[in-house]
Amino acid sequence: MGDKHSIKTEWKGGLAFEADVNGHKVRMDAPVEGGGENSGPGPKKLQLVALSGCTGMDVVSILQKMRVNIEKCNIEVQGEVTDEHPKHYSKMHVIYKFTGKDLPMDKLEKAVKMSEETYCGVGALYRKAIEVTSEIHIIES
């Protein structure tokens, strides 16, 4: 068995909670129309954040090792939410946007594939439950 991770979350009143993640505070709340004060993102959307950060770190690290010089890497994750309770994501779609000069699509595709199939633990877990797709866009600078 591997490492164990643990976080602590404290109720801050109303519907707000604050998680302590290695000394970093992450505040979560519901929107006003849901009874909260909108003092932080909702926990469901943080699932999208986790996927973007996990795959983003992988892809940038892999591209650096391949000596591919990107100027920017922006990642958008779109999640489709079910209509019925418990409402959850039924599908996620990751859009990678790379900015640079003469970026090699084959290496970008390889880095994304390596993240998706080998390294990104968040994506690996999500893929056991839902469909996760992706696409790559190059923005010439």
C-alpha atoms as a PDB file:
ATOM      1  CA  MET A   1       0.000   0.000   0.000  1.00  0.00           C
ATOM      2  CA  GLY A   2       1.197   3.519  -0.784  1.00  0.00           C
ATOM      3  CA  ASP A   3       1.152   6.735   1.174  1.00  0.00           C
ATOM      4  CA  LYS A   4      -1.850   7.868   3.149  1.00  0.00           C
ATOM      5  CA  HIS A   5      -3.086  11.422   2.700  1.00  0.00           C
ATOM      6  CA  SER A   6      -5.233  13.256   5.209  1.00  0.00           C
ATOM      7  CA  ILE A   7      -6.839  16.679   5.310  1.00  0.00           C
ATOM      8  CA  LYS A   8      -8.910  18.414   7.963  1.00  0.00           C
ATOM      9  CA  THR A   9     -11.999  20.453   7.202  1.00  0.00           C
ATOM     10  CA  GLU A  10     -13.656  22.894   9.613  1.00  0.00           C
ATOM     11  CA  TRP A  11     -17.167  24.273   9.437  1.00  0.00           C
ATOM     12  CA  LYS A  12     -17.036  28.086   9.280  1.00  0.00           C
ATOM     13  CA  GLY A  13     -20.754  28.800   9.703  1.00  0.00           C
ATOM     14  CA  GLY A  14     -23.600  28.832   7.226  1.00  0.00           C
ATOM     15  CA  LEU A  15     -22.647  26.342   4.533  1.00  0.00           C
ATOM     16  CA  ALA A  16     -18.969  27.347   4.425  1.00  0.00           C
ATOM     17  CA  PHE A  17     -16.151  24.930   5.219  1.00  0.00           C
ATOM     18  CA  GLU A  18     -12.402  25.460   5.196  1.00  0.00           C
ATOM     19  CA  ALA A  19     -10.003  22.631   4.438  1.00  0.00           C
ATOM     20  CA  ASP A  20      -6.385  22.632   5.532  1.00  0.00           C
ATOM     21  CA  VAL A  21      -4.275  20.964   2.869  1.00  0.00           C
ATOM     22  CA  ASN A  22      -0.611  20.917   3.924  1.00  0.00           C
ATOM     23  CA  GLY A  23      -1.006  24.363   5.466  1.00  0.00           C
ATOM     24  CA  HIS A  24      -2.911  25.773   2.487  1.00  0.00           C
ATOM     25  CA  LYS A  25      -6.442  26.908   3.246  1.00  0.00           C
ATOM     26  CA  VAL A  26      -9.174  26.007   0.774  1.00  0.00           C
ATOM     27  CA  ARG A  27     -12.535  27.589   1.486  1.00  0.00           C
ATOM     28  CA  MET A  28     -15.687  26.024   0.085  1.00  0.00           C
ATOM     29  CA  ASP A  29     -19.203  27.429   0.138  1.00  0.00           C
ATOM     30  CA  ALA A  30     -22.505  27.189  -1.647  1.00  0.00           C
ATOM     31  CA  PRO A  31     -23.792  29.935  -3.933  1.00  0.00           C
ATOM     32  CA  VAL A  32     -26.283  32.432  -2.485  1.00  0.00           C
ATOM     33  CA  GLU A  33     -29.162  30.785  -4.349  1.00  0.00           C
ATOM     34  CA  GLY A  34     -28.167  27.490  -2.687  1.00  0.00           C
ATOM     35  CA  GLY A  35     -28.212  28.943   0.823  1.00  0.00           C
ATOM     36  CA  GLY A  36     -24.537  29.879   1.103  1.00  0.00           C
ATOM     37  CA  GLU A  37     -22.664  33.163   0.914  1.00  0.00           C
ATOM     38  CA  ASN A  38     -20.547  32.306  -2.152  1.00  0.00           C
ATOM     39  CA  SER A  39     -17.353  32.787  -0.118  1.00  0.00           C
ATOM     40  CA  GLY A  40     -15.553  30.025  -2.007  1.00  0.00           C
ATOM     41  CA  PRO A  41     -16.039  27.490  -4.776  1.00  0.00           C
ATOM     42  CA  GLY A  42     -18.374  24.569  -4.320  1.00  0.00           C
ATOM     43  CA  PRO A  43     -16.744  21.212  -3.628  1.00  0.00           C
ATOM     44  CA  LYS A  44     -18.056  19.626  -6.833  1.00  0.00           C
ATOM     45  CA  LYS A  45     -16.206  22.134  -9.024  1.00  0.00           C
ATOM     46  CA  LEU A  46     -13.018  21.423  -7.085  1.00  0.00           C
ATOM     47  CA  GLN A  47     -13.116  17.980  -8.731  1.00  0.00           C
ATOM     48  CA  LEU A  48     -12.568  19.788 -12.049  1.00  0.00           C
ATOM     49  CA  VAL A  49      -9.759  21.813 -10.465  1.00  0.00           C
ATOM     50  CA  ALA A  50      -8.080  18.636  -9.200  1.00  0.00           C
ATOM     51  CA  LEU A  51      -8.110  17.096 -12.680  1.00  0.00           C
ATOM     52  CA  SER A  52      -6.760  20.244 -14.369  1.00  0.00           C
ATOM     53  CA  GLY A  53      -3.948  20.632 -11.864  1.00  0.00           C
ATOM     54  CA  CYS A  54      -2.965  16.969 -11.875  1.00  0.00           C
ATOM     55  CA  THR A  55      -2.805  16.573 -15.638  1.00  0.00           C
ATOM     56  CA  GLY A  56      -1.333  20.067 -16.098  1.00  0.00           C
ATOM     57  CA  MET A  57       1.611  19.336 -13.809  1.00  0.00           C
ATOM     58  CA  ASP A  58       2.225  16.047 -15.614  1.00  0.00           C
ATOM     59  CA  VAL A  59       2.033  17.511 -19.113  1.00  0.00           C
ATOM     60  CA  VAL A  60       4.274  20.513 -18.406  1.00  0.00           C
ATOM     61  CA  SER A  61       6.855  18.295 -16.682  1.00  0.00           C
ATOM     62  CA  ILE A  62       6.850  15.807 -19.573  1.00  0.00           C
ATOM     63  CA  LEU A  63       7.152  18.576 -22.184  1.00  0.00           C
ATOM     64  CA  GLN A  64      10.080  20.108 -20.281  1.00  0.00           C
ATOM     65  CA  LYS A  65      11.847  16.727 -20.358  1.00  0.00           C
ATOM     66  CA  MET A  66      11.123  16.534 -24.104  1.00  0.00           C
ATOM     67  CA  ARG A  67      12.633  20.034 -24.451  1.00  0.00           C
ATOM     68  CA  VAL A  68       9.423  21.439 -25.904  1.00  0.00           C
ATOM     69  CA  ASN A  69       9.356  25.149 -25.122  1.00  0.00           C
ATOM     70  CA  ILE A  70       5.796  26.203 -24.462  1.00  0.00           C
ATOM     71  CA  GLU A  71       5.033  29.786 -23.495  1.00  0.00           C
ATOM     72  CA  LYS A  72       1.661  29.034 -21.929  1.00  0.00           C
ATOM     73  CA  CYS A  73      -0.416  26.039 -20.980  1.00  0.00           C
ATOM     74  CA  ASN A  74      -4.055  26.693 -20.157  1.00  0.00           C
ATOM     75  CA  ILE A  75      -6.428  23.886 -19.276  1.00  0.00           C
ATOM     76  CA  GLU A  76     -10.204  24.048 -19.265  1.00  0.00           C
ATOM     77  CA  VAL A  77     -12.195  21.177 -17.781  1.00  0.00           C
ATOM     78  CA  GLN A  78     -15.878  20.929 -18.593  1.00  0.00           C
ATOM     79  CA  GLY A  79     -18.103  18.681 -16.505  1.00  0.00           C
ATOM     80  CA  GLU A  80     -21.605  17.459 -17.334  1.00  0.00           C
ATOM     81  CA  VAL A  81     -23.772  17.208 -14.201  1.00  0.00           C
ATOM     82  CA  THR A  82     -26.606  14.712 -13.857  1.00  0.00           C
ATOM     83  CA  ASP A  83     -30.159  15.985 -13.318  1.00  0.00           C
ATOM     84  CA  GLU A  84     -30.990  13.489 -10.567  1.00  0.00           C
ATOM     85  CA  HIS A  85     -29.699  13.354  -7.002  1.00  0.00           C
ATOM     86  CA  PRO A  86     -27.065  12.735  -5.952  1.00  0.00           C
ATOM     87  CA  LYS A  87     -25.959  15.172  -8.650  1.00  0.00           C
ATOM     88  CA  HIS A  88     -22.527  14.273  -9.938  1.00  0.00           C
ATOM     89  CA  TYR A  89     -20.420  14.553 -13.044  1.00  0.00           C
ATOM     90  CA  SER A  90     -21.385  12.039 -15.723  1.00  0.00           C
ATOM     91  CA  LYS A  91     -18.632  13.145 -18.098  1.00  0.00           C
ATOM     92  CA  MET A  92     -15.586  15.436 -18.115  1.00  0.00           C
ATOM     93  CA  HIS A  93     -13.832  16.967 -21.101  1.00  0.00           C
ATOM     94  CA  VAL A  94     -10.327  18.440 -20.859  1.00  0.00           C
ATOM     95  CA  ILE A  95      -9.214  21.136 -23.302  1.00  0.00           C
ATOM     96  CA  TYR A  96      -5.466  21.765 -23.416  1.00  0.00           C
ATOM     97  CA  LYS A  97      -4.399  25.086 -24.951  1.00  0.00           C
ATOM     98  CA  PHE A  98      -0.681  25.437 -25.644  1.00  0.00           C
ATOM     99  CA  THR A  99       0.864  28.717 -26.766  1.00  0.00           C
ATOM    100  CA  GLY A 100       4.266  28.866 -28.457  1.00  0.00           C
ATOM    101  CA  LYS A 101       6.212  28.936 -31.693  1.00  0.00           C
ATOM    102  CA  ASP A 102       6.161  25.884 -33.985  1.00  0.00           C
ATOM    103  CA  LEU A 103       4.943  23.531 -31.269  1.00  0.00           C
ATOM    104  CA  PRO A 104       5.146  19.857 -32.332  1.00  0.00           C
ATOM    105  CA  MET A 105       1.630  18.363 -32.121  1.00  0.00           C
ATOM    106  CA  ASP A 106       3.023  14.824 -31.889  1.00  0.00           C
ATOM    107  CA  LYS A 107       4.935  15.657 -28.697  1.00  0.00           C
ATOM    108  CA  LEU A 108       1.969  17.522 -27.202  1.00  0.00           C
ATOM    109  CA  GLU A 109      -0.230  14.499 -27.920  1.00  0.00           C
ATOM    110  CA  LYS A 110       2.342  12.143 -26.410  1.00  0.00           C
ATOM    111  CA  ALA A 111       2.617  14.224 -23.226  1.00  0.00           C
ATOM    112  CA  VAL A 112      -1.173  14.365 -22.835  1.00  0.00           C
ATOM    113  CA  LYS A 113      -1.477  10.624 -23.492  1.00  0.00           C
ATOM    114  CA  MET A 114       1.229   9.830 -20.929  1.00  0.00           C
ATOM    115  CA  SER A 115      -0.585  11.944 -18.339  1.00  0.00           C
ATOM    116  CA  GLU A 116      -3.934  10.333 -19.142  1.00  0.00           C
ATOM    117  CA  GLU A 117      -2.729   6.741 -19.288  1.00  0.00           C
ATOM    118  CA  THR A 118       0.158   6.615 -16.814  1.00  0.00           C
ATOM    119  CA  TYR A 119       0.662   9.511 -14.436  1.00  0.00           C
ATOM    120  CA  CYS A 120      -2.465  11.467 -13.500  1.00  0.00           C
ATOM    121  CA  GLY A 121      -3.984   9.729 -10.491  1.00  0.00           C
ATOM    122  CA  VAL A 122      -6.984  12.048 -10.398  1.00  0.00           C
ATOM    123  CA  GLY A 123      -7.883  11.244 -14.000  1.00  0.00           C
ATOM    124  CA  ALA A 124      -7.272   7.521 -13.411  1.00  0.00           C
ATOM    125  CA  LEU A 125      -9.796   7.523 -10.575  1.00  0.00           C
ATOM    126  CA  TYR A 126     -12.369   9.526 -12.527  1.00  0.00           C
ATOM    127  CA  ARG A 127     -12.046   7.229 -15.560  1.00  0.00           C
ATOM    128  CA  LYS A 128     -13.146   4.289 -13.396  1.00  0.00           C
ATOM    129  CA  ALA A 129     -16.510   6.014 -12.935  1.00  0.00           C
ATOM    130  CA  ILE A 130     -17.131   8.326 -15.900  1.00  0.00           C
ATOM    131  CA  GLU A 131     -16.023   9.137 -19.435  1.00  0.00           C
ATOM    132  CA  VAL A 132     -13.116  11.589 -19.593  1.00  0.00           C
ATOM    133  CA  THR A 133     -12.177  12.961 -23.022  1.00  0.00           C
ATOM    134  CA  SER A 134      -9.691  15.567 -24.189  1.00  0.00           C
ATOM    135  CA  GLU A 135      -8.573  17.760 -27.067  1.00  0.00           C
ATOM    136  CA  ILE A 136      -5.500  19.862 -27.832  1.00  0.00           C
ATOM    137  CA  HIS A 137      -5.325  23.365 -29.316  1.00  0.00           C
ATOM    138  CA  ILE A 138      -2.158  25.164 -30.393  1.00  0.00           C
ATOM    139  CA  ILE A 139      -2.007  28.950 -30.303  1.00  0.00           C
ATOM    140  CA  GLU A 140       0.879  30.301 -32.356  1.00  0.00           C
ATOM    141  CA  SER A 141       2.725  33.199 -30.743  1.00  0.00           C
END
